[in-house]
N, C-alpha and C. Protein backbone atom coordinates (compact mmCIF):
# COMPACT_ATOMS: atom_id res chain seq x y z
N MET A 1 -9.29 -7.15 -5.00
CA MET A 1 -10.13 -6.42 -4.09
C MET A 1 -10.30 -5.02 -4.61
N SER A 2 -11.46 -4.45 -4.35
CA SER A 2 -11.75 -3.12 -4.84
C SER A 2 -12.51 -2.35 -3.77
N LEU A 3 -12.16 -1.09 -3.60
CA LEU A 3 -12.82 -0.21 -2.64
C LEU A 3 -13.14 1.11 -3.33
N ILE A 4 -14.18 1.78 -2.88
CA ILE A 4 -14.50 3.10 -3.40
C ILE A 4 -14.32 4.10 -2.27
N PHE A 5 -13.59 5.17 -2.58
CA PHE A 5 -13.32 6.22 -1.59
C PHE A 5 -14.01 7.51 -2.01
N ASP A 6 -14.53 8.21 -1.03
CA ASP A 6 -15.07 9.55 -1.26
C ASP A 6 -13.91 10.53 -1.16
N ALA A 7 -13.01 10.42 -2.13
CA ALA A 7 -11.81 11.25 -2.18
C ALA A 7 -11.36 11.32 -3.64
N PRO A 8 -10.78 12.44 -4.04
CA PRO A 8 -10.30 12.54 -5.42
C PRO A 8 -9.15 11.58 -5.69
N ARG A 9 -9.05 11.14 -6.95
CA ARG A 9 -8.03 10.16 -7.33
C ARG A 9 -6.63 10.63 -6.96
N ASP A 10 -6.30 11.90 -7.19
CA ASP A 10 -4.95 12.37 -6.87
C ASP A 10 -4.62 12.17 -5.39
N LEU A 11 -5.60 12.40 -4.52
CA LEU A 11 -5.36 12.21 -3.08
C LEU A 11 -5.16 10.74 -2.75
N VAL A 12 -5.98 9.87 -3.31
CA VAL A 12 -5.83 8.43 -3.05
C VAL A 12 -4.45 7.98 -3.54
N TRP A 13 -4.03 8.44 -4.71
CA TRP A 13 -2.69 8.13 -5.23
C TRP A 13 -1.61 8.58 -4.24
N GLN A 14 -1.71 9.82 -3.76
CA GLN A 14 -0.71 10.34 -2.83
C GLN A 14 -0.64 9.51 -1.55
N VAL A 15 -1.79 9.15 -1.01
CA VAL A 15 -1.82 8.37 0.23
C VAL A 15 -1.16 7.01 0.04
N CYS A 16 -1.19 6.48 -1.19
CA CYS A 16 -0.60 5.17 -1.48
C CYS A 16 0.84 5.25 -1.95
N THR A 17 1.34 6.43 -2.29
CA THR A 17 2.67 6.51 -2.90
C THR A 17 3.63 7.47 -2.21
N GLU A 18 3.20 8.19 -1.22
CA GLU A 18 4.08 9.14 -0.55
C GLU A 18 4.36 8.65 0.87
N PRO A 19 5.66 8.45 1.19
CA PRO A 19 6.02 7.96 2.52
C PRO A 19 5.43 8.77 3.67
N LYS A 20 5.29 10.09 3.49
CA LYS A 20 4.75 10.92 4.58
C LYS A 20 3.32 10.50 4.94
N HIS A 21 2.61 9.88 4.01
CA HIS A 21 1.27 9.36 4.29
C HIS A 21 1.32 7.89 4.72
N ILE A 22 2.10 7.10 4.00
CA ILE A 22 2.14 5.65 4.22
C ILE A 22 2.51 5.30 5.67
N VAL A 23 3.43 6.05 6.26
CA VAL A 23 3.87 5.72 7.62
C VAL A 23 2.75 5.83 8.64
N HIS A 24 1.67 6.52 8.29
CA HIS A 24 0.56 6.68 9.23
C HIS A 24 -0.46 5.55 9.19
N TRP A 25 -0.48 4.76 8.11
CA TRP A 25 -1.54 3.75 8.02
C TRP A 25 -1.05 2.35 7.70
N TRP A 26 0.15 2.19 7.18
CA TRP A 26 0.61 0.86 6.75
C TRP A 26 0.77 -0.06 7.96
N GLY A 27 0.27 -1.27 7.87
CA GLY A 27 0.49 -2.27 8.91
C GLY A 27 -0.63 -2.40 9.91
N GLY A 28 -1.39 -1.35 10.12
CA GLY A 28 -2.51 -1.45 11.04
C GLY A 28 -2.15 -1.14 12.48
N GLN A 29 -3.11 -1.40 13.37
CA GLN A 29 -2.95 -1.13 14.79
C GLN A 29 -1.78 -1.95 15.34
N GLY A 30 -1.00 -1.33 16.21
CA GLY A 30 0.11 -2.03 16.84
C GLY A 30 1.40 -1.98 16.04
N PHE A 31 1.36 -1.43 14.84
CA PHE A 31 2.56 -1.33 14.02
C PHE A 31 2.96 0.13 13.86
N SER A 32 4.25 0.35 13.80
CA SER A 32 4.77 1.66 13.40
C SER A 32 5.66 1.44 12.19
N ASN A 33 6.03 2.52 11.55
CA ASN A 33 6.80 2.44 10.32
C ASN A 33 8.00 3.38 10.42
N PRO A 34 9.11 2.91 11.03
CA PRO A 34 10.26 3.78 11.22
C PRO A 34 10.99 4.14 9.94
N ALA A 35 10.79 3.39 8.86
CA ALA A 35 11.47 3.71 7.60
C ALA A 35 10.56 3.41 6.42
N CYS A 36 10.48 4.36 5.52
CA CYS A 36 9.75 4.17 4.27
C CYS A 36 10.40 5.11 3.25
N GLU A 37 11.07 4.51 2.28
CA GLU A 37 11.72 5.29 1.23
C GLU A 37 11.25 4.73 -0.11
N MET A 38 10.82 5.63 -0.99
CA MET A 38 10.30 5.20 -2.29
C MET A 38 10.94 6.02 -3.41
N ASP A 39 11.49 5.32 -4.38
CA ASP A 39 11.97 5.92 -5.62
C ASP A 39 10.92 5.58 -6.67
N LEU A 40 9.93 6.43 -6.78
CA LEU A 40 8.71 6.12 -7.53
C LEU A 40 8.91 6.28 -9.04
N ARG A 41 9.52 5.26 -9.62
CA ARG A 41 9.74 5.18 -11.06
C ARG A 41 9.96 3.71 -11.41
N PRO A 42 9.72 3.31 -12.66
CA PRO A 42 9.99 1.92 -13.03
C PRO A 42 11.45 1.57 -12.75
N GLY A 43 11.67 0.47 -12.03
CA GLY A 43 13.01 0.08 -11.61
C GLY A 43 13.44 0.69 -10.29
N GLY A 44 12.64 1.62 -9.77
CA GLY A 44 12.96 2.27 -8.50
C GLY A 44 12.69 1.35 -7.32
N ALA A 45 13.35 1.65 -6.21
CA ALA A 45 13.25 0.81 -5.02
C ALA A 45 12.25 1.39 -4.02
N TRP A 46 11.66 0.47 -3.25
CA TRP A 46 10.81 0.83 -2.12
C TRP A 46 11.32 0.03 -0.94
N LEU A 47 11.89 0.73 0.04
CA LEU A 47 12.36 0.11 1.28
C LEU A 47 11.35 0.48 2.35
N HIS A 48 10.88 -0.54 3.06
CA HIS A 48 9.88 -0.29 4.09
C HIS A 48 10.21 -1.14 5.32
N VAL A 49 10.26 -0.50 6.48
CA VAL A 49 10.48 -1.20 7.74
C VAL A 49 9.26 -0.98 8.62
N MET A 50 8.68 -2.09 9.07
CA MET A 50 7.56 -2.05 10.01
C MET A 50 8.04 -2.56 11.36
N ARG A 51 7.58 -1.94 12.42
CA ARG A 51 7.91 -2.38 13.77
C ARG A 51 6.63 -2.86 14.44
N THR A 52 6.70 -4.07 15.01
CA THR A 52 5.54 -4.64 15.70
C THR A 52 5.45 -4.07 17.11
N SER A 53 4.36 -4.37 17.79
CA SER A 53 4.16 -3.85 19.14
C SER A 53 5.20 -4.39 20.12
N ASP A 54 5.82 -5.56 19.81
CA ASP A 54 6.85 -6.10 20.70
C ASP A 54 8.25 -5.61 20.33
N GLY A 55 8.34 -4.70 19.34
CA GLY A 55 9.63 -4.13 18.95
C GLY A 55 10.34 -4.86 17.82
N SER A 56 9.81 -6.00 17.39
CA SER A 56 10.41 -6.71 16.26
C SER A 56 10.24 -5.87 15.00
N GLU A 57 11.22 -5.98 14.10
CA GLU A 57 11.13 -5.24 12.85
C GLU A 57 11.06 -6.17 11.66
N LEU A 58 10.25 -5.80 10.69
CA LEU A 58 10.09 -6.52 9.44
C LEU A 58 10.54 -5.58 8.33
N THR A 59 11.52 -6.01 7.54
CA THR A 59 12.05 -5.18 6.46
C THR A 59 11.58 -5.72 5.12
N PHE A 60 11.07 -4.84 4.29
CA PHE A 60 10.59 -5.20 2.96
C PHE A 60 11.36 -4.40 1.92
N ASN A 61 11.81 -5.07 0.89
CA ASN A 61 12.47 -4.42 -0.25
C ASN A 61 11.68 -4.77 -1.50
N PHE A 62 11.12 -3.76 -2.12
CA PHE A 62 10.32 -3.95 -3.33
C PHE A 62 10.97 -3.20 -4.48
N VAL A 63 10.57 -3.54 -5.70
CA VAL A 63 10.98 -2.80 -6.89
C VAL A 63 9.71 -2.45 -7.66
N PHE A 64 9.65 -1.22 -8.14
CA PHE A 64 8.51 -0.79 -8.94
C PHE A 64 8.70 -1.24 -10.37
N LEU A 65 7.67 -1.84 -10.93
CA LEU A 65 7.70 -2.30 -12.32
C LEU A 65 7.02 -1.29 -13.24
N GLU A 66 5.92 -0.72 -12.77
CA GLU A 66 5.18 0.28 -13.55
C GLU A 66 4.74 1.39 -12.60
N VAL A 67 4.89 2.62 -13.05
CA VAL A 67 4.42 3.78 -12.29
C VAL A 67 3.76 4.72 -13.29
N GLU A 68 2.44 4.83 -13.21
CA GLU A 68 1.66 5.68 -14.12
C GLU A 68 0.74 6.58 -13.30
N PRO A 69 1.30 7.67 -12.73
CA PRO A 69 0.48 8.54 -11.89
C PRO A 69 -0.67 9.15 -12.69
N PRO A 70 -1.81 9.32 -12.08
CA PRO A 70 -2.30 8.73 -10.84
C PRO A 70 -3.17 7.50 -11.10
N GLU A 71 -2.79 6.68 -12.10
CA GLU A 71 -3.66 5.60 -12.54
C GLU A 71 -3.25 4.20 -12.12
N ARG A 72 -1.94 3.92 -12.10
CA ARG A 72 -1.52 2.52 -11.95
C ARG A 72 -0.15 2.46 -11.28
N LEU A 73 -0.02 1.48 -10.36
CA LEU A 73 1.24 1.23 -9.66
C LEU A 73 1.43 -0.28 -9.55
N VAL A 74 2.59 -0.77 -10.01
CA VAL A 74 2.88 -2.21 -9.98
C VAL A 74 4.23 -2.41 -9.32
N TRP A 75 4.30 -3.35 -8.35
CA TRP A 75 5.56 -3.66 -7.68
C TRP A 75 5.61 -5.12 -7.31
N ARG A 76 6.83 -5.56 -6.95
CA ARG A 76 7.06 -6.93 -6.48
C ARG A 76 8.26 -6.89 -5.55
N PRO A 77 8.49 -7.98 -4.80
CA PRO A 77 9.69 -8.03 -3.96
C PRO A 77 10.93 -7.89 -4.84
N ALA A 78 11.95 -7.22 -4.30
CA ALA A 78 13.18 -7.01 -5.05
C ALA A 78 13.98 -8.30 -5.19
N GLU A 79 13.80 -9.20 -4.23
CA GLU A 79 14.54 -10.47 -4.27
C GLU A 79 13.77 -11.53 -3.50
N THR A 80 14.12 -12.75 -3.70
CA THR A 80 13.56 -13.86 -2.94
C THR A 80 14.68 -14.84 -2.66
N HIS A 81 14.47 -15.76 -1.75
CA HIS A 81 15.51 -16.73 -1.41
C HIS A 81 14.86 -18.08 -1.15
N ALA A 82 15.65 -19.11 -1.21
CA ALA A 82 15.14 -20.47 -1.00
C ALA A 82 14.44 -20.54 0.35
N GLY A 83 13.25 -21.10 0.36
CA GLY A 83 12.49 -21.25 1.59
C GLY A 83 11.67 -20.03 1.94
N GLY A 84 11.92 -18.92 1.23
CA GLY A 84 11.16 -17.70 1.50
C GLY A 84 9.96 -17.61 0.58
N PRO A 85 9.21 -16.54 0.72
CA PRO A 85 8.03 -16.39 -0.12
C PRO A 85 8.41 -16.16 -1.57
N PRO A 86 7.56 -16.57 -2.50
CA PRO A 86 7.83 -16.34 -3.92
C PRO A 86 7.50 -14.89 -4.30
N PHE A 87 7.85 -14.54 -5.52
CA PHE A 87 7.47 -13.23 -6.02
C PHE A 87 5.96 -13.14 -6.12
N VAL A 88 5.41 -12.09 -5.58
CA VAL A 88 4.00 -11.77 -5.74
C VAL A 88 3.98 -10.37 -6.33
N THR A 89 3.44 -10.25 -7.52
CA THR A 89 3.35 -8.95 -8.16
C THR A 89 2.03 -8.30 -7.77
N GLN A 90 2.13 -7.10 -7.20
CA GLN A 90 0.96 -6.35 -6.74
C GLN A 90 0.66 -5.24 -7.74
N THR A 91 -0.59 -5.11 -8.12
CA THR A 91 -1.01 -4.04 -9.03
C THR A 91 -2.13 -3.25 -8.38
N MET A 92 -1.92 -1.93 -8.22
CA MET A 92 -2.95 -1.03 -7.73
C MET A 92 -3.40 -0.17 -8.91
N THR A 93 -4.72 -0.04 -9.05
CA THR A 93 -5.24 0.90 -10.04
C THR A 93 -6.17 1.89 -9.34
N PHE A 94 -6.24 3.07 -9.92
CA PHE A 94 -6.99 4.18 -9.34
C PHE A 94 -7.90 4.74 -10.44
N GLU A 95 -9.20 4.54 -10.29
CA GLU A 95 -10.15 4.97 -11.32
C GLU A 95 -10.95 6.17 -10.82
N ASP A 96 -10.89 7.25 -11.56
CA ASP A 96 -11.65 8.45 -11.23
C ASP A 96 -13.12 8.22 -11.58
N LEU A 97 -13.98 8.22 -10.57
CA LEU A 97 -15.41 7.99 -10.78
C LEU A 97 -16.20 9.29 -10.91
N GLY A 98 -15.50 10.42 -10.85
CA GLY A 98 -16.19 11.71 -10.85
C GLY A 98 -16.72 12.03 -9.47
N ASP A 99 -17.20 13.24 -9.29
CA ASP A 99 -17.78 13.68 -8.00
C ASP A 99 -16.84 13.40 -6.83
N GLN A 100 -15.53 13.56 -7.05
CA GLN A 100 -14.54 13.39 -5.97
C GLN A 100 -14.56 11.98 -5.39
N ARG A 101 -14.81 10.99 -6.23
CA ARG A 101 -14.82 9.59 -5.79
C ARG A 101 -13.82 8.80 -6.61
N THR A 102 -13.22 7.79 -5.98
CA THR A 102 -12.18 6.98 -6.63
C THR A 102 -12.40 5.51 -6.33
N ARG A 103 -12.30 4.70 -7.39
CA ARG A 103 -12.28 3.25 -7.20
C ARG A 103 -10.82 2.82 -7.17
N TRP A 104 -10.42 2.22 -6.04
CA TRP A 104 -9.07 1.68 -5.86
C TRP A 104 -9.18 0.16 -5.96
N THR A 105 -8.31 -0.44 -6.78
CA THR A 105 -8.33 -1.89 -6.96
C THR A 105 -6.93 -2.44 -6.75
N LEU A 106 -6.85 -3.57 -6.06
CA LEU A 106 -5.58 -4.25 -5.82
C LEU A 106 -5.70 -5.68 -6.33
N VAL A 107 -4.73 -6.08 -7.14
CA VAL A 107 -4.66 -7.44 -7.66
C VAL A 107 -3.27 -7.98 -7.34
N ALA A 108 -3.21 -9.21 -6.81
CA ALA A 108 -1.94 -9.89 -6.52
C ALA A 108 -1.82 -11.07 -7.46
N ARG A 109 -0.66 -11.19 -8.10
CA ARG A 109 -0.45 -12.29 -9.05
C ARG A 109 0.84 -13.03 -8.72
N THR A 110 0.78 -14.36 -8.86
CA THR A 110 1.97 -15.20 -8.74
C THR A 110 2.17 -15.90 -10.08
N ASN A 111 3.31 -16.57 -10.23
CA ASN A 111 3.62 -17.25 -11.49
C ASN A 111 2.98 -18.62 -11.62
N SER A 112 2.52 -19.19 -10.51
CA SER A 112 1.95 -20.54 -10.57
C SER A 112 1.04 -20.76 -9.36
N PHE A 113 0.25 -21.82 -9.42
CA PHE A 113 -0.57 -22.18 -8.26
C PHE A 113 0.31 -22.55 -7.07
N ALA A 114 1.43 -23.22 -7.34
CA ALA A 114 2.35 -23.59 -6.25
C ALA A 114 2.90 -22.33 -5.58
N ASP A 115 3.26 -21.31 -6.38
CA ASP A 115 3.73 -20.05 -5.80
C ASP A 115 2.61 -19.37 -5.01
N ARG A 116 1.39 -19.43 -5.53
CA ARG A 116 0.26 -18.84 -4.82
C ARG A 116 0.09 -19.51 -3.46
N ASP A 117 0.13 -20.85 -3.44
CA ASP A 117 -0.02 -21.58 -2.18
C ASP A 117 1.11 -21.25 -1.22
N SER A 118 2.33 -21.16 -1.74
CA SER A 118 3.48 -20.81 -0.91
C SER A 118 3.34 -19.39 -0.37
N ALA A 119 2.89 -18.49 -1.21
CA ALA A 119 2.70 -17.11 -0.78
C ALA A 119 1.66 -17.03 0.33
N GLN A 120 0.58 -17.79 0.20
CA GLN A 120 -0.44 -17.81 1.24
C GLN A 120 0.13 -18.38 2.53
N LEU A 121 0.97 -19.39 2.40
CA LEU A 121 1.61 -19.98 3.57
C LEU A 121 2.47 -18.93 4.27
N HIS A 122 3.15 -18.09 3.49
CA HIS A 122 4.00 -17.04 4.06
C HIS A 122 3.23 -15.76 4.36
N ARG A 123 1.91 -15.78 4.13
CA ARG A 123 1.04 -14.64 4.43
C ARG A 123 1.38 -13.39 3.63
N VAL A 124 1.83 -13.59 2.40
CA VAL A 124 2.12 -12.43 1.56
C VAL A 124 1.40 -12.52 0.22
N ALA A 125 0.39 -13.35 0.13
CA ALA A 125 -0.29 -13.55 -1.16
C ALA A 125 -0.88 -12.26 -1.68
N SER A 126 -1.39 -11.45 -0.81
CA SER A 126 -2.04 -10.23 -1.28
C SER A 126 -2.13 -9.25 -0.14
N LEU A 127 -2.16 -7.98 -0.49
CA LEU A 127 -2.42 -6.97 0.52
C LEU A 127 -3.90 -6.85 0.82
N ALA A 128 -4.70 -7.65 0.14
CA ALA A 128 -6.15 -7.55 0.30
C ALA A 128 -6.56 -7.75 1.76
N MET A 129 -5.96 -8.72 2.44
CA MET A 129 -6.31 -8.95 3.85
C MET A 129 -5.97 -7.71 4.66
N THR A 130 -4.83 -7.09 4.36
CA THR A 130 -4.40 -5.91 5.08
C THR A 130 -5.38 -4.77 4.88
N PHE A 131 -5.73 -4.52 3.62
CA PHE A 131 -6.60 -3.38 3.34
C PHE A 131 -8.03 -3.62 3.80
N GLY A 132 -8.40 -4.86 4.06
CA GLY A 132 -9.74 -5.15 4.55
C GLY A 132 -9.80 -5.19 6.06
N SER A 133 -8.67 -5.04 6.72
CA SER A 133 -8.61 -5.18 8.17
C SER A 133 -8.47 -3.81 8.83
N THR A 134 -7.77 -3.81 9.95
CA THR A 134 -7.56 -2.58 10.69
C THR A 134 -6.84 -1.55 9.85
N THR A 135 -5.88 -1.99 9.04
CA THR A 135 -5.18 -1.05 8.19
C THR A 135 -6.16 -0.34 7.28
N GLY A 136 -7.13 -1.08 6.78
CA GLY A 136 -8.14 -0.46 5.94
C GLY A 136 -8.85 0.67 6.66
N SER A 137 -9.14 0.47 7.94
CA SER A 137 -9.78 1.52 8.73
C SER A 137 -8.86 2.72 8.88
N LEU A 138 -7.58 2.45 9.18
CA LEU A 138 -6.62 3.55 9.31
C LEU A 138 -6.48 4.29 7.99
N TRP A 139 -6.41 3.52 6.91
CA TRP A 139 -6.27 4.11 5.58
C TRP A 139 -7.46 4.98 5.25
N ARG A 140 -8.66 4.45 5.51
CA ARG A 140 -9.87 5.22 5.23
C ARG A 140 -9.91 6.50 6.07
N SER A 141 -9.50 6.42 7.33
CA SER A 141 -9.53 7.62 8.16
C SER A 141 -8.49 8.63 7.68
N HIS A 142 -7.38 8.15 7.13
CA HIS A 142 -6.37 9.06 6.60
C HIS A 142 -6.90 9.78 5.36
N LEU A 143 -7.80 9.14 4.63
CA LEU A 143 -8.39 9.75 3.43
C LEU A 143 -9.61 10.60 3.75
N ALA A 144 -10.11 10.52 4.98
CA ALA A 144 -11.32 11.25 5.33
C ALA A 144 -11.08 12.75 5.17
N PRO A 145 -12.10 13.47 4.71
CA PRO A 145 -11.94 14.91 4.57
C PRO A 145 -11.65 15.54 5.92
N HIS A 146 -10.77 16.50 5.91
CA HIS A 146 -10.44 17.21 7.14
C HIS A 146 -11.23 18.52 7.16
N PRO A 147 -11.68 18.94 8.34
CA PRO A 147 -12.43 20.20 8.40
C PRO A 147 -11.52 21.37 8.01
N PRO A 148 -12.09 22.43 7.45
CA PRO A 148 -11.26 23.58 7.11
C PRO A 148 -10.71 24.20 8.38
N PRO A 149 -9.56 24.86 8.28
CA PRO A 149 -9.00 25.49 9.49
C PRO A 149 -9.95 26.57 10.01
N ALA A 150 -9.95 26.74 11.30
CA ALA A 150 -10.79 27.76 11.92
C ALA A 150 -10.30 29.14 11.50
N ALA A 151 -11.26 30.05 11.35
CA ALA A 151 -10.89 31.43 11.01
C ALA A 151 -10.17 32.05 12.20
N PRO A 152 -9.17 32.89 11.92
CA PRO A 152 -8.46 33.53 13.04
C PRO A 152 -9.41 34.45 13.82
N LEU A 153 -9.17 34.53 15.09
CA LEU A 153 -9.98 35.41 15.94
C LEU A 153 -9.58 36.85 15.68
N PRO A 154 -10.57 37.77 15.71
CA PRO A 154 -10.25 39.20 15.47
C PRO A 154 -9.49 39.79 16.62
């Protein structure tokens, strides 16, 4: 999946890699993010906890495989278990289009068609559905330009 943002590449990178931004848009409407910790380096960990509207929590542990600011980010689950979803490697790329515009691309890869089918069954095949849904709207609004601060009154 690919999207174009009217935002500079460095900002799009920050919104995707800094917990202070991620907690505001990850998961979409009805979700909160009580924990997000990222060690943004190859081999570094990403711990993310999402809370649903009914209070249930979903914990994700990822490991970064490649970190090339502000161009490329690759990660996968840190572990898997029998009966659980397979490894899905996610790759985000950030292309500077000039004029303060950025093409963001997300690709999800599995090791086999069977893993792909299993991942789809577990609803983790790709973040594409997430970024195309309500989360995409939240994400886009987080990237929207903010008005300059008002001048102080004399």
